[in-house]
PDB file of N, CA and C in Angstrom:
ATOM      1  N   MET A   1      98.760  68.431  25.690  1.00  0.00           N
ATOM      2  CA  MET A   1      99.059  67.309  26.552  1.00  0.00           C
ATOM      3  C   MET A   1      99.629  67.853  27.859  1.00  0.00           C
ATOM      4  N   GLU A   2      99.186  67.285  28.953  1.00  0.00           N
ATOM      5  CA  GLU A   2      99.616  67.712  30.276  1.00  0.00           C
ATOM      6  C   GLU A   2     100.392  66.572  30.938  1.00  0.00           C
ATOM      7  N   THR A   3     101.350  66.926  31.769  1.00  0.00           N
ATOM      8  CA  THR A   3     102.131  65.943  32.520  1.00  0.00           C
ATOM      9  C   THR A   3     101.767  66.061  33.989  1.00  0.00           C
ATOM     10  N   VAL A   4     101.550  64.939  34.640  1.00  0.00           N
ATOM     11  CA  VAL A   4     101.259  64.920  36.071  1.00  0.00           C
ATOM     12  C   VAL A   4     102.300  64.065  36.772  1.00  0.00           C
ATOM     13  N   THR A   5     102.415  64.242  38.083  1.00  0.00           N
ATOM     14  CA  THR A   5     103.391  63.500  38.880  1.00  0.00           C
ATOM     15  C   THR A   5     102.648  62.542  39.805  1.00  0.00           C
ATOM     16  N   ILE A   6     103.157  61.340  39.939  1.00  0.00           N
ATOM     17  CA  ILE A   6     102.579  60.360  40.846  1.00  0.00           C
ATOM     18  C   ILE A   6     103.130  60.631  42.239  1.00  0.00           C
ATOM     19  N   SER A   7     102.228  60.784  43.222  1.00  0.00           N
ATOM     20  CA  SER A   7     102.641  61.073  44.599  1.00  0.00           C
ATOM     21  C   SER A   7     103.156  59.796  45.262  1.00  0.00           C
ATOM     22  N   PRO A   8     103.769  59.925  46.454  1.00  0.00           N
ATOM     23  CA  PRO A   8     104.212  58.725  47.181  1.00  0.00           C
ATOM     24  C   PRO A   8     103.069  57.752  47.490  1.00  0.00           C
ATOM     25  N   LYS A   9     101.834  58.257  47.504  1.00  0.00           N
ATOM     26  CA  LYS A   9     100.670  57.392  47.730  1.00  0.00           C
ATOM     27  C   LYS A   9     100.062  56.924  46.408  1.00  0.00           C
ATOM     28  N   PHE A  10     100.775  57.103  45.304  1.00  0.00           N
ATOM     29  CA  PHE A  10     100.335  56.716  43.955  1.00  0.00           C
ATOM     30  C   PHE A  10      99.079  57.480  43.534  1.00  0.00           C
ATOM     31  N   GLN A  11      98.960  58.732  43.941  1.00  0.00           N
ATOM     32  CA  GLN A  11      97.846  59.577  43.541  1.00  0.00           C
ATOM     33  C   GLN A  11      98.314  60.548  42.473  1.00  0.00           C
ATOM     34  N   VAL A  12      97.380  60.956  41.616  1.00  0.00           N
ATOM     35  CA  VAL A  12      97.659  61.978  40.602  1.00  0.00           C
ATOM     36  C   VAL A  12      96.553  63.019  40.651  1.00  0.00           C
ATOM     37  N   VAL A  13      96.860  64.234  40.230  1.00  0.00           N
ATOM     38  CA  VAL A  13      95.872  65.293  40.151  1.00  0.00           C
ATOM     39  C   VAL A  13      95.509  65.481  38.682  1.00  0.00           C
ATOM     40  N   ILE A  14      94.223  65.447  38.391  1.00  0.00           N
ATOM     41  CA  ILE A  14      93.759  65.683  37.020  1.00  0.00           C
ATOM     42  C   ILE A  14      93.838  67.184  36.773  1.00  0.00           C
ATOM     43  N   PRO A  15      94.572  67.601  35.755  1.00  0.00           N
ATOM     44  CA  PRO A  15      94.719  69.035  35.493  1.00  0.00           C
ATOM     45  C   PRO A  15      93.368  69.739  35.316  1.00  0.00           C
ATOM     46  N   LYS A  16      93.322  71.001  35.747  1.00  0.00           N
ATOM     47  CA  LYS A  16      92.090  71.784  35.742  1.00  0.00           C
ATOM     48  C   LYS A  16      91.455  71.855  34.357  1.00  0.00           C
ATOM     49  N   ALA A  17      92.245  72.061  33.320  1.00  0.00           N
ATOM     50  CA  ALA A  17      91.699  72.165  31.964  1.00  0.00           C
ATOM     51  C   ALA A  17      90.957  70.889  31.574  1.00  0.00           C
ATOM     52  N   ILE A  18      91.485  69.742  31.964  1.00  0.00           N
ATOM     53  CA  ILE A  18      90.847  68.463  31.634  1.00  0.00           C
ATOM     54  C   ILE A  18      89.591  68.280  32.477  1.00  0.00           C
ATOM     55  N   ARG A  19      89.654  68.627  33.770  1.00  0.00           N
ATOM     56  CA  ARG A  19      88.473  68.533  34.641  1.00  0.00           C
ATOM     57  C   ARG A  19      87.330  69.369  34.087  1.00  0.00           C
ATOM     58  N   GLU A  20      87.646  70.576  33.645  1.00  0.00           N
ATOM     59  CA  GLU A  20      86.605  71.457  33.113  1.00  0.00           C
ATOM     60  C   GLU A  20      86.059  70.938  31.788  1.00  0.00           C
ATOM     61  N   GLN A  21      86.944  70.455  30.929  1.00  0.00           N
ATOM     62  CA  GLN A  21      86.505  69.945  29.619  1.00  0.00           C
ATOM     63  C   GLN A  21      85.556  68.762  29.781  1.00  0.00           C
ATOM     64  N   LEU A  22      85.854  67.878  30.732  1.00  0.00           N
ATOM     65  CA  LEU A  22      85.036  66.680  30.934  1.00  0.00           C
ATOM     66  C   LEU A  22      83.932  66.889  31.965  1.00  0.00           C
ATOM     67  N   LYS A  23      83.863  68.109  32.524  1.00  0.00           N
ATOM     68  CA  LYS A  23      82.847  68.452  33.521  1.00  0.00           C
ATOM     69  C   LYS A  23      82.877  67.491  34.707  1.00  0.00           C
ATOM     70  N   LEU A  24      84.073  67.202  35.202  1.00  0.00           N
ATOM     71  CA  LEU A  24      84.229  66.335  36.366  1.00  0.00           C
ATOM     72  C   LEU A  24      83.932  67.141  37.623  1.00  0.00           C
ATOM     73  N   VAL A  25      83.372  66.475  38.634  1.00  0.00           N
ATOM     74  CA  VAL A  25      83.048  67.141  39.891  1.00  0.00           C
ATOM     75  C   VAL A  25      83.677  66.367  41.045  1.00  0.00           C
ATOM     76  N   VAL A  26      83.837  67.057  42.169  1.00  0.00           N
ATOM     77  CA  VAL A  26      84.415  66.458  43.363  1.00  0.00           C
ATOM     78  C   VAL A  26      83.585  65.255  43.782  1.00  0.00           C
ATOM     79  N   GLY A  27      84.234  64.150  44.073  1.00  0.00           N
ATOM     80  CA  GLY A  27      83.551  62.938  44.508  1.00  0.00           C
ATOM     81  C   GLY A  27      83.067  62.040  43.390  1.00  0.00           C
ATOM     82  N   GLN A  28      83.170  62.517  42.150  1.00  0.00           N
ATOM     83  CA  GLN A  28      82.734  61.700  41.013  1.00  0.00           C
ATOM     84  C   GLN A  28      83.659  60.503  40.863  1.00  0.00           C
ATOM     85  N   LYS A  29      83.109  59.391  40.466  1.00  0.00           N
ATOM     86  CA  LYS A  29      83.903  58.181  40.273  1.00  0.00           C
ATOM     87  C   LYS A  29      84.372  58.076  38.827  1.00  0.00           C
ATOM     88  N   VAL A  30      85.550  57.478  38.658  1.00  0.00           N
ATOM     89  CA  VAL A  30      86.084  57.164  37.338  1.00  0.00           C
ATOM     90  C   VAL A  30      86.547  55.716  37.350  1.00  0.00           C
ATOM     91  N   GLN A  31      86.477  55.079  36.212  1.00  0.00           N
ATOM     92  CA  GLN A  31      87.008  53.728  36.073  1.00  0.00           C
ATOM     93  C   GLN A  31      88.451  53.859  35.606  1.00  0.00           C
ATOM     94  N   ALA A  32      89.353  53.098  36.225  1.00  0.00           N
ATOM     95  CA  ALA A  32      90.755  53.086  35.827  1.00  0.00           C
ATOM     96  C   ALA A  32      91.017  51.782  35.082  1.00  0.00           C
ATOM     97  N   ILE A  33      91.502  51.912  33.849  1.00  0.00           N
ATOM     98  CA  ILE A  33      91.733  50.745  33.000  1.00  0.00           C
ATOM     99  C   ILE A  33      93.155  50.787  32.455  1.00  0.00           C
ATOM    100  N   ALA A  34      93.862  49.663  32.565  1.00  0.00           N
ATOM    101  CA  ALA A  34      95.170  49.526  31.926  1.00  0.00           C
ATOM    102  C   ALA A  34      94.915  49.022  30.516  1.00  0.00           C
ATOM    103  N   TYR A  35      95.371  49.790  29.513  1.00  0.00           N
ATOM    104  CA  TYR A  35      95.072  49.442  28.125  1.00  0.00           C
ATOM    105  C   TYR A  35      96.264  49.813  27.254  1.00  0.00           C
ATOM    106  N   ALA A  36      96.790  48.848  26.548  1.00  0.00           N
ATOM    107  CA  ALA A  36      97.872  49.055  25.575  1.00  0.00           C
ATOM    108  C   ALA A  36      99.028  49.865  26.169  1.00  0.00           C
ATOM    109  N   GLY A  37      99.430  49.511  27.384  1.00  0.00           N
ATOM    110  CA  GLY A  37     100.580  50.156  27.998  1.00  0.00           C
ATOM    111  C   GLY A  37     100.313  51.540  28.558  1.00  0.00           C
ATOM    112  N   ARG A  38      99.039  51.890  28.767  1.00  0.00           N
ATOM    113  CA  ARG A  38      98.715  53.197  29.324  1.00  0.00           C
ATOM    114  C   ARG A  38      97.562  53.047  30.315  1.00  0.00           C
ATOM    115  N   ILE A  39      97.301  54.096  31.071  1.00  0.00           N
ATOM    116  CA  ILE A  39      96.199  54.115  32.020  1.00  0.00           C
ATOM    117  C   ILE A  39      95.124  55.031  31.454  1.00  0.00           C
ATOM    118  N   GLU A  40      93.903  54.548  31.412  1.00  0.00           N
ATOM    119  CA  GLU A  40      92.787  55.376  30.962  1.00  0.00           C
ATOM    120  C   GLU A  40      91.814  55.536  32.119  1.00  0.00           C
ATOM    121  N   LEU A  41      91.400  56.767  32.362  1.00  0.00           N
ATOM    122  CA  LEU A  41      90.396  57.065  33.379  1.00  0.00           C
ATOM    123  C   LEU A  41      89.114  57.431  32.656  1.00  0.00           C
ATOM    124  N   ILE A  42      88.059  56.679  32.915  1.00  0.00           N
ATOM    125  CA  ILE A  42      86.785  56.883  32.221  1.00  0.00           C
ATOM    126  C   ILE A  42      85.749  57.340  33.236  1.00  0.00           C
ATOM    127  N   PRO A  43      85.211  58.553  33.066  1.00  0.00           N
ATOM    128  CA  PRO A  43      84.206  59.038  34.010  1.00  0.00           C
ATOM    129  C   PRO A  43      82.973  58.142  34.041  1.00  0.00           C
ATOM    130  N   VAL A  44      82.514  57.826  35.249  1.00  0.00           N
ATOM    131  CA  VAL A  44      81.281  57.066  35.425  1.00  0.00           C
ATOM    132  C   VAL A  44      80.151  58.081  35.424  1.00  0.00           C
ATOM    133  N   ARG A  45      79.218  57.916  34.529  1.00  0.00           N
ATOM    134  CA  ARG A  45      78.106  58.848  34.387  1.00  0.00           C
ATOM    135  C   ARG A  45      76.804  58.150  34.803  1.00  0.00           C
ATOM    136  N   PRO A  46      75.882  58.887  35.406  1.00  0.00           N
ATOM    137  CA  PRO A  46      74.579  58.294  35.740  1.00  0.00           C
ATOM    138  C   PRO A  46      73.850  57.859  34.467  1.00  0.00           C
ATOM    139  N   ALA A  47      73.080  56.792  34.572  1.00  0.00           N
ATOM    140  CA  ALA A  47      72.355  56.266  33.411  1.00  0.00           C
ATOM    141  C   ALA A  47      71.421  57.307  32.816  1.00  0.00           C
ATOM    142  N   ARG A  48      70.861  58.191  33.649  1.00  0.00           N
ATOM    143  CA  ARG A  48      69.914  59.182  33.108  1.00  0.00           C
ATOM    144  C   ARG A  48      70.593  60.148  32.144  1.00  0.00           C
ATOM    145  N   GLU A  49      71.919  60.294  32.215  1.00  0.00           N
ATOM    146  CA  GLU A  49      72.609  61.156  31.257  1.00  0.00           C
ATOM    147  C   GLU A  49      72.623  60.551  29.857  1.00  0.00           C
ATOM    148  N   LEU A  50      72.359  59.244  29.762  1.00  0.00           N
ATOM    149  CA  LEU A  50      72.353  58.564  28.468  1.00  0.00           C
ATOM    150  C   LEU A  50      71.026  58.754  27.733  1.00  0.00           C
ATOM    151  N   ARG A  51      70.021  59.251  28.440  1.00  0.00           N
ATOM    152  CA  ARG A  51      68.693  59.407  27.841  1.00  0.00           C
ATOM    153  C   ARG A  51      68.763  60.293  26.591  1.00  0.00           C
ATOM    154  N   GLY A  52      68.216  59.791  25.503  1.00  0.00           N
ATOM    155  CA  GLY A  52      68.148  60.557  24.269  1.00  0.00           C
ATOM    156  C   GLY A  52      69.389  60.479  23.400  1.00  0.00           C
ATOM    157  N   MET A  53      70.430  59.749  23.833  1.00  0.00           N
ATOM    158  CA  MET A  53      71.659  59.748  23.039  1.00  0.00           C
ATOM    159  C   MET A  53      71.498  59.016  21.703  1.00  0.00           C
ATOM    160  N   LEU A  54      70.475  58.182  21.573  1.00  0.00           N
ATOM    161  CA  LEU A  54      70.248  57.471  20.314  1.00  0.00           C
ATOM    162  C   LEU A  54      69.095  58.079  19.515  1.00  0.00           C
ATOM    163  N   ARG A  55      68.640  59.245  19.927  1.00  0.00           N
ATOM    164  CA  ARG A  55      67.545  59.920  19.222  1.00  0.00           C
ATOM    165  C   ARG A  55      67.929  60.113  17.751  1.00  0.00           C
ATOM    166  N   GLY A  56      67.018  59.800  16.878  1.00  0.00           N
ATOM    167  CA  GLY A  56      67.270  59.969  15.454  1.00  0.00           C
ATOM    168  C   GLY A  56      67.866  58.735  14.790  1.00  0.00           C
ATOM    169  N   LEU A  57      68.129  57.693  15.559  1.00  0.00           N
ATOM    170  CA  LEU A  57      68.685  56.462  15.003  1.00  0.00           C
ATOM    171  C   LEU A  57      67.654  55.796  14.098  1.00  0.00           C
ATOM    172  N   ASP A  58      68.069  55.424  12.893  1.00  0.00           N
ATOM    173  CA  ASP A  58      67.157  54.791  11.934  1.00  0.00           C
ATOM    174  C   ASP A  58      66.964  53.328  12.316  1.00  0.00           C
ATOM    175  N   THR A  59      65.777  52.973  12.753  1.00  0.00           N
ATOM    176  CA  THR A  59      65.475  51.596  13.150  1.00  0.00           C
ATOM    177  C   THR A  59      64.579  50.892  12.132  1.00  0.00           C
ATOM    178  N   SER A  60      64.473  51.443  10.942  1.00  0.00           N
ATOM    179  CA  SER A  60      63.558  50.905   9.940  1.00  0.00           C
ATOM    180  C   SER A  60      64.192  49.824   9.060  1.00  0.00           C
ATOM    181  N   ILE A  61      65.340  49.284   9.419  1.00  0.00           N
ATOM    182  CA  ILE A  61      65.965  48.252   8.590  1.00  0.00           C
ATOM    183  C   ILE A  61      65.147  46.961   8.663  1.00  0.00           C
ATOM    184  N   GLU A  62      65.197  46.172   7.599  1.00  0.00           N
ATOM    185  CA  GLU A  62      64.487  44.897   7.571  1.00  0.00           C
ATOM    186  C   GLU A  62      65.262  43.881   8.386  1.00  0.00           C
ATOM    187  N   ARG A  63      64.520  43.104   9.159  1.00  0.00           N
ATOM    188  CA  ARG A  63      65.147  42.072   9.993  1.00  0.00           C
ATOM    189  C   ARG A  63      64.513  40.728   9.714  1.00  0.00           C
ATOM    190  N   ASP A  64      65.302  39.684   9.850  1.00  0.00           N
ATOM    191  CA  ASP A  64      64.787  38.334   9.739  1.00  0.00           C
ATOM    192  C   ASP A  64      64.026  37.991  11.027  1.00  0.00           C
ATOM    193  N   GLU A  65      63.077  37.071  10.904  1.00  0.00           N
ATOM    194  CA  GLU A  65      62.345  36.612  12.090  1.00  0.00           C
ATOM    195  C   GLU A  65      63.312  36.025  13.114  1.00  0.00           C
ATOM    196  N   GLU A  66      64.421  35.449  12.653  1.00  0.00           N
ATOM    197  CA  GLU A  66      65.400  34.839  13.540  1.00  0.00           C
ATOM    198  C   GLU A  66      66.093  35.878  14.413  1.00  0.00           C
ATOM    199  N   ASP A  67      66.044  37.139  14.013  1.00  0.00           N
ATOM    200  CA  ASP A  67      66.687  38.197  14.789  1.00  0.00           C
ATOM    201  C   ASP A  67      65.912  38.517  16.068  1.00  0.00           C
ATOM    202  N   ARG A  68      64.644  38.156  16.080  1.00  0.00           N
ATOM    203  CA  ARG A  68      63.792  38.456  17.237  1.00  0.00           C
ATOM    204  C   ARG A  68      63.940  37.377  18.300  1.00  0.00           C
ATOM    205  N   VAL A  69      63.916  37.777  19.520  1.00  0.00           N
ATOM    206  CA  VAL A  69      64.016  36.799  20.617  1.00  0.00           C
ATOM    207  C   VAL A  69      62.664  36.618  21.243  1.00  0.00           C
TER     208      VAL A  69
END
């Protein structure tokens, strides 16, 4: 766990170890969310990075006709 300091302009620096682990780059956007008394920063990733993330998902389950739109 790393501790950061809030600057007079309410800015924080993401520690290098975390930047490297999450592969963050200069100019990349993150979403800031207040959740359960804490701040979460979620990296915004391009949609093309999601390609293939569901590969291997079993889609052979039986569905009712009502499930189809």
